[in-house]
Amino acid sequence: MACFVGGFGFGRSVRGRILCPREQRPRVVRVSMSLESFIPKLKSAQDQFEELTQQLGDPDVASNPTELTKVTKARAALEDVVNAYNEWTENREQAEEAKMLFEESDDAEMKEMARDEMNELNATVADIEERIRVLLLPSDPNDDKNVMLEIRAGTGGDEASIWAGDLVRVYTKYAETKSWKVFTVSASENESGGYKECVLEMQGDMVYSRLKYEAGVHRVQRVPATETQGRVHTSTATVAIMPEVDEVEVQIDQKDIELKTARSGGAGGQNVNKVETAVDLLHKPTGIRVFCTEERSQLKNKDRAFQILRAKLYEMELEEQQKAVSREYFPQSFSIPKALSRGRVFSTDCWQPA
């Protein structure tokens, strides 16, 4: 039982027992034992982590990029929990050893050293327990996925397209700081600069977890380069963050697809100007249209278009699920303003030109 002693000399009695002087007893830190119920789960995570580590050395896994990526991500998801559990186990064992030394030693100086070490280790164990509880909280299953980042110019005319182009560069630079790979999937440039629409694919570690809260409307107030009279303009651009999904997660009926091809045009040689490499894909039930021209072959553009479509359909499904949860947990009389609903949150950016 944990006891707390206040002041010097003899303390008050606890259940008929007289507490000994404070300088002769270690200060016991009350440690929550609720973590004990998670020990089986933590040991299971540790076993799984070791198994995944062994799989990384398997030649069959190493030679299969898809499987290697899957194993690496699964191992990375467990690494923090396993490291914290190992640290907790080590410190707890050391705390028990310090306690035994304090109880068995007859030397006053040795008892003092053991007491100080025990108090320090107990505090460390409590901190690690708190960290483990946070790590064991349920995470978003999409957090470790790559994303399709779509930026569209909103209100503001040419300045909105320029603002959309600025956002493309901002997110690209941010991805570079995280060592992510960035690919331009689709882009519609504006004559005055920037983009009317741009879709980027970002691949890396925990991409969706870092970017998912960026979705919504981004607004900027500034004097644009196109302004001759020094007036401040307000421009907007919408940002959509869509987790990448495969054909198993989202199945598309080919009967619902209307597919057209066209010549891409622009730079790229005779191939893009004479051969119909561009793909225009329409999903009839939802009205979603995807136009891909970035790749130099029709087959690759088709794959990209379906990749974007699956991400959009998956995002729509997530939004419907969240609406269903909101209707279940909030009374009908409670309504969320449209400006604050998912995908419509305004973020006002202070843009300082270089």
Protein backbone atom coordinates (compact mmCIF):
# COMPACT_ATOMS: atom_id res chain seq x y z
CA MET A 1 0.00 0.00 0.00
CA ALA A 2 1.32 3.43 -0.89
CA CYS A 3 1.68 5.79 2.05
CA PHE A 4 2.50 9.47 2.02
CA VAL A 5 4.33 11.04 4.94
CA GLY A 6 4.18 14.76 5.60
CA GLY A 7 6.76 16.69 7.62
CA PHE A 8 9.44 15.27 9.87
CA GLY A 9 9.20 13.13 12.94
CA PHE A 10 6.43 10.59 13.33
CA GLY A 11 3.39 10.81 11.16
CA ARG A 12 -0.22 9.96 11.83
CA SER A 13 -1.39 6.41 12.21
CA VAL A 14 -2.79 4.61 9.20
CA ARG A 15 -5.16 1.77 10.04
CA GLY A 16 -3.61 1.40 13.47
CA ARG A 17 0.00 1.50 12.22
CA ILE A 18 2.44 4.24 13.21
CA LEU A 19 4.54 5.54 10.32
CA CYS A 20 8.25 5.62 10.98
CA PRO A 21 10.27 8.84 10.57
CA ARG A 22 10.32 10.14 7.00
CA GLU A 23 14.11 10.12 6.71
CA GLN A 24 14.08 6.37 7.41
CA ARG A 25 11.48 5.44 4.79
CA PRO A 26 11.57 5.82 1.01
CA ARG A 27 9.10 8.24 -0.53
CA VAL A 28 6.79 5.86 -2.38
CA VAL A 29 5.42 7.09 -5.66
CA ARG A 30 1.90 5.92 -6.31
CA VAL A 31 2.02 4.00 -9.59
CA SER A 32 -1.20 3.10 -11.37
CA MET A 33 -1.56 -0.63 -11.87
CA SER A 34 -4.06 -0.26 -14.71
CA LEU A 35 -1.26 -1.02 -17.17
CA GLU A 36 -1.12 -4.59 -15.85
CA SER A 37 -4.28 -5.42 -17.83
CA PHE A 38 -2.47 -4.43 -21.04
CA ILE A 39 0.54 -6.71 -20.47
CA PRO A 40 -0.82 -9.55 -22.71
CA LYS A 41 -1.49 -7.06 -25.49
CA LEU A 42 1.95 -5.51 -25.14
CA LYS A 43 3.66 -8.91 -25.18
CA SER A 44 1.67 -9.83 -28.28
CA ALA A 45 2.83 -6.61 -29.96
CA GLN A 46 6.41 -7.42 -28.97
CA ASP A 47 6.17 -10.93 -30.50
CA GLN A 48 4.64 -9.53 -33.67
CA PHE A 49 7.37 -6.89 -33.89
CA GLU A 50 10.10 -9.53 -33.64
CA GLU A 51 8.36 -11.66 -36.27
CA LEU A 52 8.15 -8.70 -38.66
CA THR A 53 11.82 -7.92 -38.03
CA GLN A 54 12.70 -11.46 -39.06
CA GLN A 55 10.55 -11.15 -42.19
CA LEU A 56 12.62 -8.13 -43.29
CA GLY A 57 15.59 -10.51 -43.60
CA ASP A 58 13.60 -12.99 -45.70
CA PRO A 59 14.85 -12.94 -49.35
CA ASP A 60 11.31 -13.52 -50.63
CA VAL A 61 10.07 -10.41 -48.83
CA ALA A 62 13.10 -8.32 -49.75
CA SER A 63 12.65 -9.13 -53.45
CA ASN A 64 8.95 -8.16 -53.43
CA PRO A 65 8.61 -4.33 -53.18
CA THR A 66 4.90 -4.47 -52.33
CA GLU A 67 5.36 -7.00 -49.54
CA LEU A 68 8.48 -5.24 -48.28
CA THR A 69 6.59 -1.94 -47.98
CA LYS A 70 3.72 -3.69 -46.19
CA VAL A 71 6.02 -5.39 -43.65
CA THR A 72 8.06 -2.22 -43.09
CA LYS A 73 4.96 -0.12 -42.36
CA ALA A 74 3.51 -2.77 -40.03
CA ARG A 75 6.79 -2.94 -38.12
CA ALA A 76 7.05 0.86 -37.90
CA ALA A 77 3.51 1.05 -36.46
CA LEU A 78 4.55 -1.22 -33.56
CA GLU A 79 8.04 0.16 -32.95
CA ASP A 80 7.13 3.00 -30.56
CA VAL A 81 4.87 0.78 -28.42
CA VAL A 82 7.42 -2.04 -28.21
CA ASN A 83 10.29 0.32 -27.35
CA ALA A 84 8.20 1.96 -24.62
CA TYR A 85 7.22 -1.45 -23.21
CA ASN A 86 10.86 -2.62 -23.13
CA GLU A 87 11.85 0.62 -21.41
CA TRP A 88 9.01 0.21 -18.89
CA THR A 89 10.04 -3.39 -18.12
CA GLU A 90 13.70 -2.46 -17.65
CA ASN A 91 12.99 0.48 -15.32
CA ARG A 92 10.47 -1.52 -13.32
CA GLU A 93 12.99 -4.31 -12.72
CA GLN A 94 15.58 -1.77 -11.62
CA ALA A 95 13.04 -0.19 -9.25
CA GLU A 96 12.38 -3.61 -7.66
CA GLU A 97 16.11 -4.19 -7.22
CA ALA A 98 16.49 -0.77 -5.56
CA LYS A 99 13.59 -1.59 -3.25
CA MET A 100 15.19 -4.90 -2.21
CA LEU A 101 18.50 -3.16 -1.57
CA PHE A 102 16.80 -0.55 0.60
CA GLU A 103 14.95 -3.18 2.66
CA GLU A 104 17.93 -5.51 3.11
CA SER A 105 20.79 -3.05 3.63
CA ASP A 106 21.88 -2.07 7.12
CA ASP A 107 24.12 0.78 6.00
CA ALA A 108 22.39 4.19 6.36
CA GLU A 109 24.24 5.75 3.43
CA MET A 110 23.42 2.78 1.19
CA LYS A 111 19.76 2.95 2.20
CA GLU A 112 19.70 6.66 1.32
CA MET A 113 21.17 5.99 -2.13
CA ALA A 114 18.74 3.12 -2.74
CA ARG A 115 15.80 5.26 -1.68
CA ASP A 116 16.75 8.09 -4.05
CA GLU A 117 17.25 5.66 -6.94
CA MET A 118 13.96 3.95 -6.19
CA ASN A 119 12.04 7.24 -6.16
CA GLU A 120 13.62 8.31 -9.44
CA LEU A 121 12.88 4.98 -11.13
CA ASN A 122 9.27 4.91 -9.91
CA ALA A 123 8.72 8.37 -11.37
CA THR A 124 10.23 7.23 -14.68
CA VAL A 125 7.98 4.16 -14.71
CA ALA A 126 4.92 6.35 -14.15
CA ASP A 127 5.91 8.62 -17.06
CA ILE A 128 6.44 5.63 -19.36
CA GLU A 129 3.06 4.19 -18.36
CA GLU A 130 1.38 7.42 -19.38
CA ARG A 131 3.21 7.35 -22.70
CA ILE A 132 2.15 3.73 -23.32
CA ARG A 133 -1.50 4.57 -22.61
CA VAL A 134 -1.36 7.27 -25.28
CA LEU A 135 0.32 4.90 -27.75
CA LEU A 136 -2.36 2.26 -27.13
CA LEU A 137 -5.19 4.63 -28.03
CA PRO A 138 -6.99 3.57 -31.24
CA SER A 139 -5.45 5.26 -34.29
CA ASP A 140 -6.97 6.17 -37.62
CA PRO A 141 -6.54 3.11 -39.88
CA ASN A 142 -5.68 5.45 -42.74
CA ASP A 143 -2.85 7.25 -40.91
CA ASP A 144 -0.07 5.24 -42.53
CA LYS A 145 -1.44 5.54 -46.06
CA ASN A 146 -0.15 7.61 -48.95
CA VAL A 147 -2.44 10.39 -50.17
CA MET A 148 -3.85 12.09 -53.22
CA LEU A 149 -3.70 15.82 -52.55
CA GLU A 150 -6.08 17.84 -54.73
CA ILE A 151 -5.88 21.64 -54.85
CA ARG A 152 -8.51 23.67 -56.73
CA ALA A 153 -8.63 27.41 -57.28
CA GLY A 154 -11.71 28.96 -55.67
CA THR A 155 -13.05 32.50 -55.74
CA GLY A 156 -10.71 35.29 -56.77
CA GLY A 157 -10.15 34.83 -60.51
CA ASP A 158 -6.52 34.68 -61.66
CA GLU A 159 -5.29 35.45 -58.15
CA ALA A 160 -7.06 32.31 -56.87
CA SER A 161 -5.12 30.24 -59.43
CA ILE A 162 -1.88 31.87 -58.32
CA TRP A 163 -2.79 31.11 -54.71
CA ALA A 164 -3.48 27.49 -55.64
CA GLY A 165 -0.02 27.38 -57.23
CA ASP A 166 1.51 28.77 -54.04
CA LEU A 167 -0.18 26.01 -52.04
CA VAL A 168 1.17 23.38 -54.42
CA ARG A 169 4.70 24.67 -53.78
CA VAL A 170 4.09 24.87 -50.01
CA TYR A 171 2.98 21.25 -49.75
CA THR A 172 5.73 20.10 -52.10
CA LYS A 173 8.36 21.83 -49.94
CA TYR A 174 6.82 20.34 -46.80
CA ALA A 175 6.98 16.87 -48.37
CA GLU A 176 10.67 17.41 -49.09
CA THR A 177 11.33 18.13 -45.40
CA LYS A 178 9.68 14.78 -44.58
CA SER A 179 11.58 12.91 -47.33
CA TRP A 180 8.31 12.00 -49.08
CA LYS A 181 8.06 11.31 -52.79
CA VAL A 182 5.82 13.68 -54.76
CA PHE A 183 4.33 12.95 -58.19
CA THR A 184 2.11 15.23 -60.27
CA VAL A 185 -0.89 13.12 -61.26
CA SER A 186 -2.97 15.78 -63.01
CA ALA A 187 -2.59 19.52 -63.51
CA SER A 188 -4.56 22.26 -65.24
CA GLU A 189 -2.46 25.40 -65.44
CA ASN A 190 -3.82 28.94 -65.62
CA GLU A 191 -2.57 31.35 -68.30
CA SER A 192 -1.78 34.01 -65.68
CA GLY A 193 0.17 31.55 -63.53
CA GLY A 194 -0.66 28.96 -60.92
CA TYR A 195 -3.18 26.18 -61.31
CA LYS A 196 -6.90 25.88 -61.84
CA GLU A 197 -6.57 22.36 -60.47
CA CYS A 198 -3.65 20.18 -59.44
CA VAL A 199 -3.55 16.64 -58.05
CA LEU A 200 -0.39 15.40 -56.32
CA GLU A 201 0.43 11.92 -55.13
CA MET A 202 2.53 11.84 -51.95
CA GLN A 203 4.24 8.67 -50.80
CA GLY A 204 6.09 8.23 -47.54
CA ASP A 205 5.83 7.49 -43.84
CA MET A 206 2.51 8.38 -42.14
CA VAL A 207 1.57 10.87 -44.87
CA TYR A 208 -2.18 10.90 -44.23
CA SER A 209 -1.71 11.39 -40.49
CA ARG A 210 0.32 14.55 -41.18
CA LEU A 211 -1.94 16.08 -43.81
CA LYS A 212 -5.51 15.00 -43.06
CA TYR A 213 -6.32 18.16 -41.11
CA GLU A 214 -5.24 20.35 -44.03
CA ALA A 215 -8.44 19.52 -45.91
CA GLY A 216 -10.81 22.44 -46.41
CA VAL A 217 -10.83 25.98 -47.78
CA HIS A 218 -7.62 28.02 -47.53
CA ARG A 219 -8.04 31.78 -47.81
CA VAL A 220 -5.41 34.44 -48.39
CA GLN A 221 -5.67 38.23 -48.18
CA ARG A 222 -2.87 40.10 -49.93
CA VAL A 223 -1.99 42.56 -52.67
CA PRO A 224 -1.39 40.29 -55.66
CA ALA A 225 1.28 40.83 -58.26
CA THR A 226 -1.45 41.42 -60.86
CA GLU A 227 -2.89 44.36 -58.86
CA THR A 228 -1.78 47.81 -60.13
CA GLN A 229 -3.62 50.02 -57.59
CA GLY A 230 -2.45 48.39 -54.37
CA ARG A 231 -5.81 46.91 -53.36
CA VAL A 232 -6.00 43.89 -51.09
CA HIS A 233 -7.65 40.85 -52.67
CA THR A 234 -9.23 37.88 -50.92
CA SER A 235 -8.73 34.58 -52.73
CA THR A 236 -9.53 31.00 -51.83
CA ALA A 237 -8.46 27.52 -52.81
CA THR A 238 -9.87 24.17 -51.70
CA VAL A 239 -7.63 21.36 -50.52
CA ALA A 240 -8.75 17.73 -50.47
CA ILE A 241 -6.68 15.04 -48.76
CA MET A 242 -7.68 11.58 -49.97
CA PRO A 243 -6.02 8.40 -48.63
CA GLU A 244 -4.80 6.09 -51.36
CA VAL A 245 -6.81 2.88 -51.66
CA ASP A 246 -6.48 -0.24 -53.79
CA GLU A 247 -9.01 -2.16 -55.85
CA VAL A 248 -9.86 -4.45 -52.93
CA GLU A 249 -10.96 -1.57 -50.69
CA VAL A 250 -13.01 0.21 -53.37
CA GLN A 251 -14.60 -1.83 -56.15
CA ILE A 252 -15.78 0.02 -59.26
CA ASP A 253 -18.32 -1.47 -61.66
CA GLN A 254 -17.13 -0.94 -65.20
CA LYS A 255 -20.74 -0.38 -66.29
CA ASP A 256 -20.71 2.84 -64.25
CA ILE A 257 -17.69 4.18 -66.14
CA GLU A 258 -17.71 6.33 -69.27
CA LEU A 259 -14.20 6.47 -70.69
CA LYS A 260 -12.99 8.79 -73.45
CA THR A 261 -9.54 9.46 -74.85
CA ALA A 262 -8.04 12.60 -76.36
CA ARG A 263 -4.74 14.06 -77.45
CA SER A 264 -2.81 15.57 -74.58
CA GLY A 265 -1.17 18.41 -76.52
CA GLY A 266 1.60 20.68 -75.23
CA ALA A 267 5.19 19.71 -74.63
CA GLY A 268 6.22 16.09 -74.91
CA GLY A 269 7.01 15.45 -78.55
CA GLN A 270 4.97 14.04 -81.40
CA ASN A 271 3.59 11.19 -79.31
CA VAL A 272 1.35 13.32 -77.06
CA ASN A 273 0.23 15.52 -79.94
CA LYS A 274 -0.66 12.76 -82.43
CA VAL A 275 -1.62 9.81 -80.20
CA GLU A 276 -4.63 9.92 -77.90
CA THR A 277 -2.84 9.46 -74.58
CA ALA A 278 -5.11 11.63 -72.40
CA VAL A 279 -7.91 9.89 -70.49
CA ASP A 280 -11.27 11.46 -69.58
CA LEU A 281 -13.08 9.27 -67.07
CA LEU A 282 -16.65 9.83 -65.81
CA HIS A 283 -18.26 7.94 -62.93
CA LYS A 284 -21.96 8.05 -63.78
CA PRO A 285 -23.52 7.40 -60.32
CA THR A 286 -21.62 10.24 -58.63
CA GLY A 287 -20.80 12.50 -61.57
CA ILE A 288 -17.10 12.53 -60.66
CA ARG A 289 -14.93 13.36 -63.67
CA VAL A 290 -11.21 12.72 -63.81
CA PHE A 291 -9.00 13.95 -66.64
CA CYS A 292 -5.40 12.68 -66.75
CA THR A 293 -2.73 13.87 -69.17
CA GLU A 294 0.52 13.72 -67.20
CA GLU A 295 1.72 10.29 -68.36
CA ARG A 296 2.94 9.70 -71.92
CA SER A 297 0.92 6.51 -72.43
CA GLN A 298 -2.82 6.02 -72.43
CA LEU A 299 -2.57 2.93 -70.19
CA LYS A 300 -0.68 4.80 -67.46
CA ASN A 301 -3.09 7.74 -67.61
CA LYS A 302 -5.98 5.29 -67.31
CA ASP A 303 -4.42 3.70 -64.21
CA ARG A 304 -3.88 7.15 -62.70
CA ALA A 305 -7.46 8.17 -63.42
CA PHE A 306 -8.87 5.08 -61.69
CA GLN A 307 -6.48 5.66 -58.79
CA ILE A 308 -7.86 9.17 -58.30
CA LEU A 309 -11.45 7.96 -58.70
CA ARG A 310 -11.00 5.27 -56.03
CA ALA A 311 -9.56 7.86 -53.64
CA LYS A 312 -12.48 10.23 -54.25
CA LEU A 313 -15.08 7.48 -53.75
CA TYR A 314 -13.35 6.35 -50.56
CA GLU A 315 -13.34 9.93 -49.26
CA MET A 316 -17.07 10.21 -49.98
CA GLU A 317 -17.69 6.97 -48.08
CA LEU A 318 -15.71 8.26 -45.08
CA GLU A 319 -17.73 11.46 -45.08
CA GLU A 320 -21.01 9.52 -45.13
CA GLN A 321 -19.84 7.38 -42.21
CA GLN A 322 -18.93 10.47 -40.19
CA LYS A 323 -22.30 12.03 -40.92
CA ALA A 324 -24.00 8.85 -39.71
CA VAL A 325 -21.98 8.93 -36.48
CA SER A 326 -22.86 12.62 -35.99
CA ARG A 327 -26.58 11.90 -36.40
CA GLU A 328 -26.31 9.08 -33.85
CA TYR A 329 -24.46 10.99 -31.15
CA PHE A 330 -25.95 14.48 -31.60
CA PRO A 331 -29.65 15.32 -31.22
CA GLN A 332 -31.53 16.43 -34.33
CA SER A 333 -32.01 19.88 -32.82
CA PHE A 334 -28.24 20.37 -32.81
CA SER A 335 -26.97 21.57 -36.18
CA ILE A 336 -23.41 22.34 -37.23
CA PRO A 337 -22.99 25.45 -39.39
CA LYS A 338 -22.22 24.59 -43.00
CA ALA A 339 -19.04 26.65 -42.91
CA LEU A 340 -17.75 24.35 -40.14
CA SER A 341 -18.75 21.03 -41.71
CA ARG A 342 -16.14 18.62 -43.09
CA GLY A 343 -14.29 19.97 -46.09
CA ARG A 344 -15.54 23.53 -45.59
CA VAL A 345 -13.36 24.73 -42.75
CA PHE A 346 -11.73 28.07 -43.53
CA SER A 347 -8.05 28.58 -42.89
CA THR A 348 -6.80 32.15 -43.28
CA ASP A 349 -3.15 32.15 -44.29
CA CYS A 350 -0.77 35.05 -43.69
CA TRP A 351 1.38 35.07 -46.81
CA GLN A 352 4.68 36.86 -46.58
CA PRO A 353 6.43 37.14 -49.97
CA ALA A 354 10.12 36.23 -50.07
